[in-house]
C-alpha cells in the first residue's frame, strides 16, 4: 500500500465522520434556533407538560428568541425533544396565571446546550424568572371594499299634452222657398172687458131716457 492510498483512505474516513456528526449537531441546535451559550434570554413558545425520563416536566415547545406582543397562532405540536426547552424553578404563582396549551413569554437564564447520550438529555434548561401570557391574534384577511353602484334615476315623465278645445260646429242653414213670411204680432191680453160693458150700459140708458122724453112731448 502506497502513501497515496493511505491519504485517500484517511480523507474518506474523515469525510464520513464529519457527515455522520454534522446532522446530529445541526439537528440539536437548528431545531430551537437559540444561541448555544448560556445567558439571560426571553423566549416565546407553547406551554406544555411532557414526560421526560419518566418525569412530568413543564416545557416550552417551539421557542423563539425575543419578546412578542401577540402571536398569529398557537404552535403546540412538538417535533421531538429538540424543539423543547425544559422550564426549571418555575414558581407556583406562575402556574396560577397560565394554563397548559397557552402561548407564553418566559424570561430567565437559559443554560448552555450540551449533547447527551439520548434525545431527552439534549433538552436545554431555563431557570424561569417571569412568565407572561401572549395573546393569539389571527392575521386580518384582506378586506374587500364594496362600492355600491349608484342606481340611475328613472327619466322624468313627459308633461301631459294640453287638451285640444274643438269649437262646436255651426248649425247648417236650412233651405227656404224664397218667400218671406210675415209674422202677425198679437198684443198681450192685458185689458179688461168691464169698461166696454159699462159704455154699452150708458148708451142704452141714454137711449131710454131720450125715448121717454119724446113720448111725453107727444102726449
N, C-alpha and C. Protein backbone atom coordinates (compact mmCIF):
# COMPACT_ATOMS: atom_id res chain seq x y z
N UNK A 1 0.86 -1.20 0.00
CA UNK A 1 0.00 0.00 0.00
C UNK A 1 0.88 1.24 0.00
N UNK A 2 0.66 2.08 -0.92
CA UNK A 2 1.47 3.29 -1.06
C UNK A 2 0.96 4.39 -0.16
N UNK A 3 1.76 5.46 -0.06
CA UNK A 3 1.36 6.61 0.76
C UNK A 3 0.11 7.28 0.18
N UNK A 4 0.02 7.23 -1.15
CA UNK A 4 -1.15 7.84 -1.81
C UNK A 4 -2.42 7.13 -1.39
N UNK A 5 -2.38 5.80 -1.33
CA UNK A 5 -3.58 5.04 -0.92
C UNK A 5 -3.95 5.36 0.52
N UNK A 6 -2.95 5.53 1.37
CA UNK A 6 -3.21 5.85 2.78
C UNK A 6 -3.91 7.19 2.88
N UNK A 7 -3.45 8.18 2.12
CA UNK A 7 -4.06 9.51 2.15
C UNK A 7 -5.53 9.47 1.68
N UNK A 8 -5.78 8.66 0.64
CA UNK A 8 -7.15 8.56 0.11
C UNK A 8 -8.07 7.92 1.14
N UNK A 9 -7.61 6.85 1.79
CA UNK A 9 -8.43 6.17 2.79
C UNK A 9 -8.68 7.10 3.98
N UNK A 10 -7.65 7.85 4.41
CA UNK A 10 -7.81 8.77 5.55
C UNK A 10 -8.80 9.87 5.24
N UNK A 11 -8.71 10.44 4.03
CA UNK A 11 -9.65 11.50 3.64
C UNK A 11 -11.07 10.97 3.59
N UNK A 12 -11.24 9.74 3.11
CA UNK A 12 -12.59 9.16 3.03
C UNK A 12 -13.18 8.95 4.41
N UNK A 13 -12.35 8.41 5.34
CA UNK A 13 -12.86 8.19 6.69
C UNK A 13 -13.20 9.51 7.38
N UNK A 14 -12.41 10.56 7.16
CA UNK A 14 -12.66 11.87 7.78
C UNK A 14 -13.96 12.47 7.24
N UNK A 15 -14.17 12.30 5.93
CA UNK A 15 -15.40 12.83 5.33
C UNK A 15 -16.62 12.13 5.88
N UNK A 16 -16.55 10.80 6.01
CA UNK A 16 -17.69 10.04 6.54
C UNK A 16 -17.97 10.42 7.99
N UNK A 17 -16.91 10.67 8.75
CA UNK A 17 -17.09 11.03 10.15
C UNK A 17 -17.77 12.38 10.30
N UNK A 18 -17.35 13.34 9.49
CA UNK A 18 -17.98 14.66 9.53
C UNK A 18 -19.42 14.60 9.08
N UNK A 19 -19.71 13.79 8.08
CA UNK A 19 -21.09 13.66 7.59
C UNK A 19 -21.99 13.03 8.64
N UNK A 20 -21.44 12.08 9.42
CA UNK A 20 -22.25 11.43 10.45
C UNK A 20 -22.46 12.34 11.65
N UNK A 21 -21.51 13.23 11.94
CA UNK A 21 -21.61 14.09 13.12
C UNK A 21 -22.43 15.35 12.85
N UNK A 22 -22.33 15.87 11.65
CA UNK A 22 -22.98 17.14 11.33
C UNK A 22 -24.49 17.10 11.47
N UNK A 23 -25.22 16.08 10.98
CA UNK A 23 -26.69 16.09 11.12
C UNK A 23 -27.14 16.12 12.56
N UNK A 24 -26.43 15.33 13.44
CA UNK A 24 -26.83 15.29 14.84
C UNK A 24 -26.64 16.63 15.51
N UNK A 25 -25.50 17.25 15.30
CA UNK A 25 -25.21 18.53 15.92
C UNK A 25 -26.13 19.60 15.36
N UNK A 26 -26.31 19.57 14.03
CA UNK A 26 -27.16 20.58 13.40
C UNK A 26 -28.60 20.43 13.83
N UNK A 27 -29.12 19.19 13.93
CA UNK A 27 -30.50 18.99 14.33
C UNK A 27 -30.74 19.48 15.73
N UNK A 28 -29.77 19.27 16.63
CA UNK A 28 -29.97 19.67 18.02
C UNK A 28 -30.00 21.18 18.18
N UNK A 29 -29.23 21.89 17.37
CA UNK A 29 -29.16 23.33 17.56
C UNK A 29 -30.12 24.08 16.65
N UNK A 30 -30.37 23.60 15.43
CA UNK A 30 -31.22 24.33 14.50
C UNK A 30 -32.70 24.20 14.86
N UNK A 31 -33.07 23.18 15.63
CA UNK A 31 -34.49 22.98 15.93
C UNK A 31 -35.03 24.12 16.78
N UNK A 32 -34.26 24.61 17.70
CA UNK A 32 -34.73 25.68 18.58
C UNK A 32 -34.32 27.06 18.08
N UNK A 33 -33.30 27.14 17.23
CA UNK A 33 -32.78 28.41 16.72
C UNK A 33 -32.43 29.35 17.86
N UNK A 34 -31.83 28.81 18.91
CA UNK A 34 -31.43 29.60 20.07
C UNK A 34 -29.91 29.63 20.17
N UNK A 35 -29.38 30.63 20.82
CA UNK A 35 -27.90 30.67 20.97
C UNK A 35 -27.40 29.50 21.81
N UNK A 36 -26.23 28.99 21.45
CA UNK A 36 -25.69 27.82 22.14
C UNK A 36 -25.17 28.16 23.53
N UNK A 37 -24.71 29.38 23.73
CA UNK A 37 -24.15 29.76 25.03
C UNK A 37 -25.28 30.14 26.00
N UNK A 38 -24.99 30.03 27.30
CA UNK A 38 -25.98 30.37 28.31
C UNK A 38 -26.02 31.89 28.54
N UNK A 39 -27.12 32.33 29.13
CA UNK A 39 -27.25 33.75 29.41
C UNK A 39 -28.72 34.12 29.58
N UNK A 40 -28.95 35.38 29.96
CA UNK A 40 -30.32 35.85 30.11
C UNK A 40 -31.00 35.93 28.74
N UNK A 41 -32.25 35.47 28.71
CA UNK A 41 -32.96 35.44 27.43
C UNK A 41 -34.47 35.55 27.68
N UNK A 42 -35.16 35.92 26.65
CA UNK A 42 -36.63 35.96 26.65
C UNK A 42 -37.10 35.08 25.50
N UNK A 43 -37.94 34.10 25.83
CA UNK A 43 -38.41 33.14 24.84
C UNK A 43 -39.94 33.18 24.78
N UNK A 44 -40.47 32.90 23.60
CA UNK A 44 -41.92 32.80 23.38
C UNK A 44 -42.19 31.43 22.78
N UNK A 45 -43.12 30.70 23.39
CA UNK A 45 -43.47 29.37 22.90
C UNK A 45 -44.74 28.86 23.56
N UNK A 46 -45.06 27.61 23.27
CA UNK A 46 -46.28 26.98 23.80
C UNK A 46 -45.94 26.25 25.10
N UNK A 47 -46.75 26.50 26.12
CA UNK A 47 -46.53 25.92 27.44
C UNK A 47 -47.21 24.56 27.52
N UNK A 48 -46.40 23.49 27.69
CA UNK A 48 -46.93 22.13 27.77
C UNK A 48 -46.27 21.38 28.93
N UNK A 49 -46.85 20.22 29.20
CA UNK A 49 -46.29 19.31 30.21
C UNK A 49 -45.99 17.99 29.53
N UNK A 50 -44.73 17.59 29.54
CA UNK A 50 -44.29 16.39 28.85
C UNK A 50 -43.61 15.44 29.83
N UNK A 51 -43.62 14.15 29.44
CA UNK A 51 -42.94 13.13 30.24
C UNK A 51 -41.52 12.98 29.72
N UNK A 52 -40.56 13.35 30.55
CA UNK A 52 -39.14 13.29 30.18
C UNK A 52 -38.42 12.41 31.20
N UNK A 53 -37.87 11.31 30.69
CA UNK A 53 -37.16 10.35 31.56
C UNK A 53 -38.04 9.93 32.74
N UNK A 54 -39.32 9.61 32.38
CA UNK A 54 -40.29 9.13 33.36
C UNK A 54 -40.65 10.18 34.41
N UNK A 55 -40.52 11.42 34.08
CA UNK A 55 -40.90 12.51 34.98
C UNK A 55 -41.70 13.55 34.18
N UNK A 56 -42.78 14.05 34.82
CA UNK A 56 -43.57 15.11 34.18
C UNK A 56 -42.87 16.44 34.37
N UNK A 57 -42.57 17.08 33.26
CA UNK A 57 -41.84 18.34 33.29
C UNK A 57 -42.61 19.39 32.46
N UNK A 58 -42.51 20.63 32.93
CA UNK A 58 -43.06 21.74 32.15
C UNK A 58 -42.02 22.16 31.13
N UNK A 59 -42.47 22.29 29.88
CA UNK A 59 -41.56 22.62 28.80
C UNK A 59 -42.15 23.75 27.96
N UNK A 60 -41.27 24.38 27.20
CA UNK A 60 -41.66 25.39 26.22
C UNK A 60 -41.40 24.81 24.84
N UNK A 61 -42.48 24.64 24.07
CA UNK A 61 -42.39 23.98 22.76
C UNK A 61 -42.24 25.03 21.66
N UNK A 62 -41.38 24.72 20.69
CA UNK A 62 -41.13 25.60 19.54
C UNK A 62 -40.79 27.03 20.00
N UNK A 63 -39.80 27.18 20.86
CA UNK A 63 -39.49 28.52 21.36
C UNK A 63 -38.81 29.39 20.31
N UNK A 64 -39.09 30.67 20.40
CA UNK A 64 -38.42 31.66 19.57
C UNK A 64 -37.80 32.71 20.47
N UNK A 65 -36.70 33.25 20.04
CA UNK A 65 -35.96 34.21 20.85
C UNK A 65 -36.56 35.61 20.69
N UNK A 66 -36.76 36.29 21.83
CA UNK A 66 -37.27 37.66 21.79
C UNK A 66 -38.68 37.76 22.32
N UNK A 67 -39.09 39.00 22.62
CA UNK A 67 -40.42 39.26 23.16
C UNK A 67 -41.43 39.40 22.03
N UNK A 68 -42.71 39.25 22.36
CA UNK A 68 -43.78 39.36 21.36
C UNK A 68 -45.03 39.88 22.05
N UNK A 69 -45.67 40.87 21.43
CA UNK A 69 -46.93 41.40 21.97
C UNK A 69 -48.08 40.45 21.71
N UNK A 70 -48.02 39.70 20.59
CA UNK A 70 -49.05 38.73 20.25
C UNK A 70 -48.48 37.77 19.21
N UNK A 71 -49.18 36.66 19.02
CA UNK A 71 -48.77 35.67 18.01
C UNK A 71 -49.98 35.35 17.14
N UNK A 72 -49.76 34.98 15.87
CA UNK A 72 -50.91 34.70 15.00
C UNK A 72 -51.59 33.37 15.29
N UNK A 73 -50.86 32.42 15.90
CA UNK A 73 -51.45 31.11 16.17
C UNK A 73 -50.65 30.41 17.28
N UNK A 74 -51.28 29.37 17.85
CA UNK A 74 -50.60 28.57 18.88
C UNK A 74 -49.88 27.40 18.21
N UNK A 75 -48.56 27.35 18.35
CA UNK A 75 -47.75 26.28 17.76
C UNK A 75 -47.35 25.31 18.87
N UNK A 76 -48.23 24.32 19.14
CA UNK A 76 -48.02 23.41 20.26
C UNK A 76 -47.68 21.99 19.81
N UNK A 77 -47.39 21.80 18.54
CA UNK A 77 -47.01 20.47 18.06
C UNK A 77 -45.50 20.32 18.18
N UNK A 78 -45.07 19.47 19.11
CA UNK A 78 -43.63 19.28 19.35
C UNK A 78 -43.04 18.36 18.29
N UNK A 79 -41.88 18.73 17.80
CA UNK A 79 -41.17 17.92 16.82
C UNK A 79 -39.97 17.26 17.50
N UNK A 80 -40.26 16.40 18.48
CA UNK A 80 -39.20 15.73 19.22
C UNK A 80 -38.68 16.59 20.35
N UNK A 81 -37.75 16.05 21.12
CA UNK A 81 -37.20 16.76 22.27
C UNK A 81 -36.35 17.96 21.86
N UNK A 82 -35.87 17.95 20.63
CA UNK A 82 -35.00 19.04 20.21
C UNK A 82 -35.76 20.36 20.02
N UNK A 83 -37.08 20.28 19.96
CA UNK A 83 -37.88 21.50 19.81
C UNK A 83 -38.44 21.98 21.15
N UNK A 84 -37.86 21.54 22.26
CA UNK A 84 -38.35 21.89 23.59
C UNK A 84 -37.26 22.54 24.43
N UNK A 85 -37.69 23.35 25.37
CA UNK A 85 -36.82 23.89 26.42
C UNK A 85 -37.49 23.57 27.75
N UNK A 86 -36.76 22.88 28.61
CA UNK A 86 -37.31 22.49 29.91
C UNK A 86 -37.29 23.68 30.85
N UNK A 87 -38.43 23.96 31.49
CA UNK A 87 -38.57 25.11 32.39
C UNK A 87 -38.30 24.66 33.82
N UNK A 88 -37.24 25.17 34.41
CA UNK A 88 -36.86 24.83 35.78
C UNK A 88 -37.15 26.03 36.70
N UNK A 89 -37.36 25.67 37.98
CA UNK A 89 -37.59 26.67 39.02
C UNK A 89 -38.79 27.58 38.71
N UNK A 90 -39.75 27.00 38.01
CA UNK A 90 -40.96 27.77 37.75
C UNK A 90 -41.80 27.79 39.02
N UNK A 91 -42.21 28.96 39.42
CA UNK A 91 -42.88 29.13 40.71
C UNK A 91 -44.38 28.86 40.59
N UNK A 92 -44.98 28.57 41.75
CA UNK A 92 -46.40 28.25 41.77
C UNK A 92 -47.24 29.44 41.32
N UNK A 93 -46.77 30.63 41.62
CA UNK A 93 -47.54 31.82 41.22
C UNK A 93 -47.59 31.96 39.70
N UNK A 94 -46.58 31.42 39.03
CA UNK A 94 -46.61 31.45 37.57
C UNK A 94 -47.64 30.48 37.04
N UNK A 95 -47.78 29.33 37.69
CA UNK A 95 -48.73 28.32 37.22
C UNK A 95 -50.18 28.73 37.47
N UNK A 96 -50.39 29.73 38.35
CA UNK A 96 -51.75 30.19 38.63
C UNK A 96 -52.29 31.11 37.53
N UNK A 97 -51.40 31.62 36.69
CA UNK A 97 -51.85 32.57 35.67
C UNK A 97 -51.77 32.00 34.26
N UNK A 98 -51.16 30.82 34.10
CA UNK A 98 -51.07 30.22 32.77
C UNK A 98 -51.66 28.82 32.81
N UNK A 99 -52.13 28.38 31.67
CA UNK A 99 -52.67 27.04 31.51
C UNK A 99 -51.89 26.31 30.43
N UNK A 100 -51.91 25.00 30.52
CA UNK A 100 -51.24 24.18 29.51
C UNK A 100 -51.91 24.41 28.16
N UNK A 101 -51.09 24.61 27.15
CA UNK A 101 -51.61 24.85 25.81
C UNK A 101 -51.64 26.31 25.43
N UNK A 102 -51.27 27.20 26.35
CA UNK A 102 -51.23 28.63 26.05
C UNK A 102 -49.87 29.04 25.52
N UNK A 103 -49.88 30.12 24.75
CA UNK A 103 -48.63 30.72 24.32
C UNK A 103 -48.17 31.68 25.41
N UNK A 104 -46.90 31.54 25.84
CA UNK A 104 -46.39 32.35 26.94
C UNK A 104 -45.05 32.95 26.56
N UNK A 105 -44.70 33.99 27.29
CA UNK A 105 -43.38 34.61 27.17
C UNK A 105 -42.63 34.37 28.48
N UNK A 106 -41.47 33.77 28.38
CA UNK A 106 -40.70 33.38 29.55
C UNK A 106 -39.38 34.16 29.56
N UNK A 107 -39.09 34.74 30.71
CA UNK A 107 -37.82 35.45 30.89
C UNK A 107 -37.01 34.76 31.99
N UNK A 108 -35.73 34.54 31.74
CA UNK A 108 -34.90 33.88 32.73
C UNK A 108 -33.51 33.59 32.18
N UNK A 109 -32.84 32.66 32.83
CA UNK A 109 -31.47 32.30 32.45
C UNK A 109 -31.48 31.01 31.65
N UNK A 110 -31.06 31.10 30.40
CA UNK A 110 -31.01 29.94 29.52
C UNK A 110 -29.66 29.25 29.70
N UNK A 111 -29.71 27.94 30.02
CA UNK A 111 -28.48 27.19 30.25
C UNK A 111 -27.82 26.82 28.93
N UNK A 112 -26.55 26.48 29.03
CA UNK A 112 -25.78 26.15 27.85
C UNK A 112 -26.23 24.81 27.28
N UNK A 113 -26.23 24.73 25.95
CA UNK A 113 -26.60 23.47 25.31
C UNK A 113 -25.42 22.50 25.36
N UNK A 114 -25.78 21.24 25.62
CA UNK A 114 -24.74 20.20 25.58
C UNK A 114 -25.38 18.94 25.03
N UNK A 115 -24.59 18.13 24.40
CA UNK A 115 -25.09 16.92 23.76
C UNK A 115 -24.94 15.73 24.70
N UNK A 116 -26.08 15.03 24.90
CA UNK A 116 -26.08 13.86 25.77
C UNK A 116 -26.13 12.57 24.98
N UNK A 117 -26.34 11.50 25.72
CA UNK A 117 -26.35 10.20 25.07
C UNK A 117 -27.65 9.94 24.32
N UNK A 118 -28.77 10.55 24.74
CA UNK A 118 -30.04 10.35 24.05
C UNK A 118 -30.71 11.72 23.85
N UNK A 119 -31.83 11.68 23.12
CA UNK A 119 -32.50 12.94 22.80
C UNK A 119 -33.02 13.65 24.04
N UNK A 120 -33.48 12.89 25.04
CA UNK A 120 -34.01 13.53 26.25
C UNK A 120 -32.93 14.31 26.99
N UNK A 121 -31.69 13.87 26.86
CA UNK A 121 -30.61 14.58 27.54
C UNK A 121 -30.19 15.85 26.79
N UNK A 122 -30.69 16.01 25.54
CA UNK A 122 -30.31 17.18 24.75
C UNK A 122 -31.21 18.39 25.02
N UNK A 123 -32.26 18.22 25.85
CA UNK A 123 -33.18 19.32 26.11
C UNK A 123 -32.47 20.40 26.92
N UNK A 124 -32.56 21.61 26.45
CA UNK A 124 -31.96 22.72 27.18
C UNK A 124 -32.86 23.13 28.34
N UNK A 125 -32.26 23.72 29.33
CA UNK A 125 -32.99 24.14 30.52
C UNK A 125 -32.98 25.66 30.62
N UNK A 126 -34.04 26.15 31.27
CA UNK A 126 -34.14 27.59 31.51
C UNK A 126 -34.66 27.82 32.91
N UNK A 127 -33.95 28.60 33.68
CA UNK A 127 -34.40 28.96 35.02
C UNK A 127 -35.33 30.17 34.91
N UNK A 128 -36.61 29.93 35.21
CA UNK A 128 -37.65 30.91 34.94
C UNK A 128 -37.64 32.00 36.00
N UNK A 129 -37.67 33.25 35.55
CA UNK A 129 -37.79 34.39 36.46
C UNK A 129 -39.16 35.05 36.35
N UNK A 130 -39.75 35.04 35.16
CA UNK A 130 -41.06 35.68 34.97
C UNK A 130 -41.77 35.01 33.80
N UNK A 131 -43.10 35.00 33.88
CA UNK A 131 -43.94 34.38 32.86
C UNK A 131 -45.07 35.34 32.52
N UNK A 132 -45.39 35.45 31.23
CA UNK A 132 -46.49 36.30 30.78
C UNK A 132 -47.23 35.59 29.65
N UNK A 133 -48.55 35.65 29.71
CA UNK A 133 -49.37 35.04 28.66
C UNK A 133 -49.34 35.94 27.42
N UNK A 134 -49.13 35.33 26.25
CA UNK A 134 -49.10 36.07 24.98
C UNK A 134 -50.43 35.82 24.26
N UNK A 135 -51.18 36.86 23.97
CA UNK A 135 -52.47 36.66 23.28
C UNK A 135 -52.27 36.21 21.84
N UNK A 136 -53.26 35.46 21.36
CA UNK A 136 -53.25 34.98 19.97
C UNK A 136 -54.15 35.89 19.16
N UNK A 137 -53.58 36.56 18.18
CA UNK A 137 -54.33 37.48 17.31
C UNK A 137 -54.16 37.01 15.88
N UNK A 138 -55.19 36.34 15.31
CA UNK A 138 -55.06 35.88 13.93
C UNK A 138 -54.87 37.07 12.98
N UNK A 139 -54.10 36.86 11.93
CA UNK A 139 -53.91 37.96 10.96
C UNK A 139 -55.22 38.31 10.27
N UNK A 140 -55.41 39.58 10.05
CA UNK A 140 -56.63 40.04 9.39
C UNK A 140 -56.56 39.72 7.90
N UNK A 141 -57.67 39.17 7.43
CA UNK A 141 -57.75 38.90 6.00
C UNK A 141 -57.98 40.20 5.24
N UNK A 142 -57.64 40.15 3.99
CA UNK A 142 -57.82 41.35 3.16
C UNK A 142 -59.30 41.70 3.09
N UNK A 143 -59.59 42.94 3.39
CA UNK A 143 -60.97 43.39 3.36
C UNK A 143 -61.33 43.84 1.94
N UNK A 144 -62.47 43.34 1.50
CA UNK A 144 -62.97 43.73 0.19
C UNK A 144 -63.89 44.92 0.38
N UNK A 145 -63.48 46.03 -0.21
CA UNK A 145 -64.27 47.25 -0.09
C UNK A 145 -65.31 47.24 -1.21
N UNK A 146 -66.56 47.17 -0.81
CA UNK A 146 -67.65 47.12 -1.77
C UNK A 146 -68.18 48.52 -1.99
N UNK A 147 -68.07 48.96 -3.22
CA UNK A 147 -68.60 50.28 -3.57
C UNK A 147 -69.92 50.08 -4.29
N UNK A 148 -71.00 50.51 -3.68
CA UNK A 148 -72.30 50.31 -4.34
C UNK A 148 -72.40 51.11 -5.62
N UNK A 149 -72.98 50.47 -6.62
CA UNK A 149 -73.18 51.15 -7.90
C UNK A 149 -74.42 52.01 -7.79
N UNK A 150 -74.30 53.30 -8.07
CA UNK A 150 -75.48 54.15 -7.93
C UNK A 150 -76.57 53.74 -8.91
N UNK A 151 -77.79 53.68 -8.41
CA UNK A 151 -78.93 53.32 -9.24
C UNK A 151 -79.35 54.52 -10.06
N UNK A 152 -79.40 54.38 -11.39
CA UNK A 152 -79.81 55.53 -12.20
C UNK A 152 -81.25 55.92 -11.91
N UNK A 153 -81.46 57.21 -11.85
CA UNK A 153 -82.81 57.70 -11.59
C UNK A 153 -83.67 57.51 -12.83
N UNK A 154 -84.95 57.14 -12.64
CA UNK A 154 -85.83 56.97 -13.81
C UNK A 154 -86.03 58.30 -14.51
N UNK A 155 -86.15 58.28 -15.84
CA UNK A 155 -86.35 59.53 -16.57
C UNK A 155 -87.65 60.21 -16.15
N UNK A 156 -87.60 61.53 -16.15
CA UNK A 156 -88.79 62.29 -15.76
C UNK A 156 -89.89 62.08 -16.79
N UNK A 157 -91.12 61.95 -16.29
CA UNK A 157 -92.26 61.73 -17.17
C UNK A 157 -92.51 62.96 -18.02
N UNK A 158 -92.81 62.72 -19.29
CA UNK A 158 -93.09 63.84 -20.19
C UNK A 158 -94.39 64.52 -19.76
N UNK A 159 -94.44 65.86 -19.83
CA UNK A 159 -95.69 66.55 -19.43
C UNK A 159 -96.85 66.17 -20.33
N UNK A 160 -98.02 66.05 -19.71
CA UNK A 160 -99.21 65.67 -20.47
C UNK A 160 -99.56 66.77 -21.47
N UNK A 161 -99.93 66.41 -22.70
CA UNK A 161 -100.29 67.44 -23.69
C UNK A 161 -101.53 68.21 -23.27
N UNK A 162 -101.54 69.50 -23.58
CA UNK A 162 -102.71 70.35 -23.25
C UNK A 162 -103.93 69.87 -24.04
N UNK A 163 -105.08 69.84 -23.36
CA UNK A 163 -106.29 69.38 -24.08
C UNK A 163 -106.63 70.31 -25.24
N UNK A 164 -106.99 69.73 -26.34
CA UNK A 164 -107.37 70.50 -27.53
C UNK A 164 -108.86 70.81 -27.48
N UNK A 165 -109.21 72.09 -27.52
CA UNK A 165 -110.63 72.52 -27.48
C UNK A 165 -111.13 72.61 -28.91
N UNK A 166 -112.08 71.75 -29.22
CA UNK A 166 -112.67 71.75 -30.57
C UNK A 166 -113.91 72.62 -30.56
N UNK A 167 -113.98 73.69 -31.37
CA UNK A 167 -115.19 74.53 -31.39
C UNK A 167 -116.39 73.77 -31.89
N UNK A 168 -117.56 74.11 -31.29
CA UNK A 168 -118.80 73.44 -31.70
C UNK A 168 -119.12 73.80 -33.14
N UNK A 169 -119.55 72.85 -33.92
CA UNK A 169 -119.87 73.15 -35.33
C UNK A 169 -121.10 74.07 -35.44
N UNK A 170 -121.02 75.02 -36.35
CA UNK A 170 -122.15 75.92 -36.57
C UNK A 170 -123.28 75.15 -37.24
N UNK A 171 -124.53 75.47 -36.83
CA UNK A 171 -125.66 74.74 -37.45
C UNK A 171 -125.74 75.04 -38.94
N UNK A 172 -126.05 74.04 -39.69
CA UNK A 172 -126.16 74.21 -41.14
C UNK A 172 -127.40 75.02 -41.48
N UNK A 173 -127.31 75.96 -42.41
CA UNK A 173 -128.50 76.74 -42.79
C UNK A 173 -129.54 75.87 -43.45
N UNK A 174 -130.79 76.10 -43.06
CA UNK A 174 -131.90 75.33 -43.64
C UNK A 174 -132.38 76.01 -44.91
N UNK A 175 -132.80 75.25 -45.86
CA UNK A 175 -133.28 75.79 -47.13
C UNK A 175 -134.67 76.43 -47.02
N UNK A 176 -134.91 77.50 -47.72
CA UNK A 176 -136.22 78.18 -47.75
C UNK A 176 -136.72 78.28 -49.19
N UNK A 177 -138.05 78.68 -49.33
CA UNK A 177 -138.66 78.82 -50.66
C UNK A 177 -138.44 80.19 -51.24
N UNK A 178 -137.87 81.12 -50.55
CA UNK A 178 -137.66 82.46 -51.05
C UNK A 178 -138.76 83.43 -50.67
N UNK A 179 -139.84 82.91 -50.02
CA UNK A 179 -140.97 83.76 -49.60
C UNK A 179 -140.76 84.18 -48.19
N UNK A 180 -140.80 85.48 -47.95
CA UNK A 180 -140.61 85.99 -46.60
C UNK A 180 -141.95 85.96 -45.90
N UNK A 181 -142.07 85.18 -44.92
CA UNK A 181 -143.31 85.04 -44.17
C UNK A 181 -143.42 86.16 -43.17
N UNK A 182 -144.64 86.80 -43.16
CA UNK A 182 -144.92 87.86 -42.23
C UNK A 182 -145.50 87.28 -40.96
N UNK A 183 -145.01 87.72 -39.94
CA UNK A 183 -145.48 87.23 -38.65
C UNK A 183 -146.35 88.30 -38.02
N UNK A 184 -147.62 87.96 -37.69
CA UNK A 184 -148.56 88.87 -37.07
C UNK A 184 -148.24 88.98 -35.61
N UNK A 185 -148.16 90.22 -35.25
CA UNK A 185 -147.88 90.47 -33.86
C UNK A 185 -149.18 90.59 -33.09
N UNK A 186 -149.33 89.91 -32.07
CA UNK A 186 -150.50 89.92 -31.20
C UNK A 186 -150.15 90.60 -29.90
N UNK A 187 -151.14 91.56 -29.58
CA UNK A 187 -150.94 92.26 -28.32
C UNK A 187 -151.26 91.33 -27.18
N UNK A 188 -150.63 91.53 -26.14
CA UNK A 188 -150.97 90.69 -24.98
C UNK A 188 -152.32 91.06 -24.41
N UNK A 189 -153.06 90.11 -23.97
CA UNK A 189 -154.39 90.31 -23.40
C UNK A 189 -154.26 90.82 -21.98
N UNK A 190 -153.95 92.17 -21.95
CA UNK A 190 -153.78 92.76 -20.63
C UNK A 190 -155.01 93.59 -20.22
N UNK A 191 -155.89 94.12 -21.29
CA UNK A 191 -157.08 94.96 -20.97
C UNK A 191 -158.25 94.10 -20.53
N UNK A 192 -159.18 94.73 -19.72
CA UNK A 192 -160.36 94.00 -19.23
C UNK A 192 -161.60 94.40 -20.06
N UNK A 193 -162.63 93.58 -20.12
CA UNK A 193 -163.89 93.87 -20.87
C UNK A 193 -164.91 94.68 -20.06
N UNK A 194 -164.61 95.01 -18.84
CA UNK A 194 -165.56 95.74 -17.98
C UNK A 194 -165.83 97.16 -18.50
N UNK A 195 -164.85 97.94 -18.91
CA UNK A 195 -165.16 99.27 -19.46
C UNK A 195 -166.11 99.23 -20.64
N UNK A 196 -165.92 98.22 -21.52
CA UNK A 196 -166.82 98.11 -22.67
C UNK A 196 -168.26 97.85 -22.24
N UNK A 197 -168.41 97.00 -21.25
CA UNK A 197 -169.78 96.71 -20.77
C UNK A 197 -170.41 97.95 -20.16
N UNK A 198 -169.56 98.72 -19.42
CA UNK A 198 -170.10 99.96 -18.82
C UNK A 198 -170.53 100.98 -19.86
N UNK A 199 -169.72 101.06 -20.93
CA UNK A 199 -170.05 102.00 -22.00
C UNK A 199 -171.36 101.63 -22.67
N UNK A 200 -171.53 100.33 -22.94
CA UNK A 200 -172.79 99.88 -23.55
C UNK A 200 -173.99 100.15 -22.64
N UNK A 201 -173.73 100.03 -21.36
CA UNK A 201 -174.86 100.32 -20.42
C UNK A 201 -175.25 101.80 -20.45
N UNK A 202 -174.25 102.66 -20.53
CA UNK A 202 -174.54 104.10 -20.59
C UNK A 202 -175.26 104.46 -21.88
N UNK A 203 -174.88 103.89 -22.99
CA UNK A 203 -175.56 104.17 -24.27
C UNK A 203 -177.02 103.72 -24.21
N UNK A 204 -177.23 102.55 -23.62
CA UNK A 204 -178.61 102.04 -23.51
C UNK A 204 -179.46 102.92 -22.61
N UNK A 205 -178.83 103.37 -21.49
CA UNK A 205 -179.57 104.25 -20.56
C UNK A 205 -179.92 105.57 -21.23
N UNK A 206 -178.91 106.15 -22.01
CA UNK A 206 -179.19 107.41 -22.71
C UNK A 206 -180.30 107.27 -23.74
N UNK A 207 -180.31 106.14 -24.46
CA UNK A 207 -181.34 105.91 -25.46
C UNK A 207 -182.71 105.81 -24.81
N UNK A 208 -182.77 105.16 -23.67
CA UNK A 208 -184.06 105.00 -22.96
C UNK A 208 -184.59 106.34 -22.49
N UNK A 209 -183.75 107.16 -21.97
CA UNK A 209 -184.17 108.46 -21.47
C UNK A 209 -184.63 109.33 -22.63
N UNK A 210 -183.97 109.24 -23.76
CA UNK A 210 -184.37 110.04 -24.92
C UNK A 210 -185.75 109.62 -25.38
N UNK A 211 -186.03 108.36 -25.51
CA UNK A 211 -187.31 107.87 -25.97
C UNK A 211 -188.41 108.25 -24.98
N UNK A 212 -188.07 108.24 -23.69
CA UNK A 212 -189.10 108.62 -22.70
C UNK A 212 -189.45 110.09 -22.84
N UNK A 213 -188.43 110.92 -23.12
CA UNK A 213 -188.71 112.34 -23.25
C UNK A 213 -189.55 112.62 -24.48
N UNK A 214 -189.36 111.98 -25.58
CA UNK A 214 -190.13 112.17 -26.79
C UNK A 214 -191.54 111.70 -26.62
N UNK A 215 -191.77 110.74 -25.91
CA UNK A 215 -193.13 110.20 -25.68
C UNK A 215 -193.98 111.19 -24.88
N UNK A 216 -193.36 111.78 -23.85
CA UNK A 216 -194.13 112.73 -23.03
C UNK A 216 -194.46 113.98 -23.84
N UNK A 217 -193.63 114.38 -24.74
CA UNK A 217 -193.91 115.55 -25.53
C UNK A 217 -195.08 115.33 -26.45
N UNK A 218 -195.21 114.20 -27.02
CA UNK A 218 -196.31 113.93 -27.92
C UNK A 218 -197.61 113.65 -27.18
N UNK A 219 -197.68 113.45 -25.97
CA UNK A 219 -198.93 113.17 -25.29
C UNK A 219 -199.63 114.47 -24.98
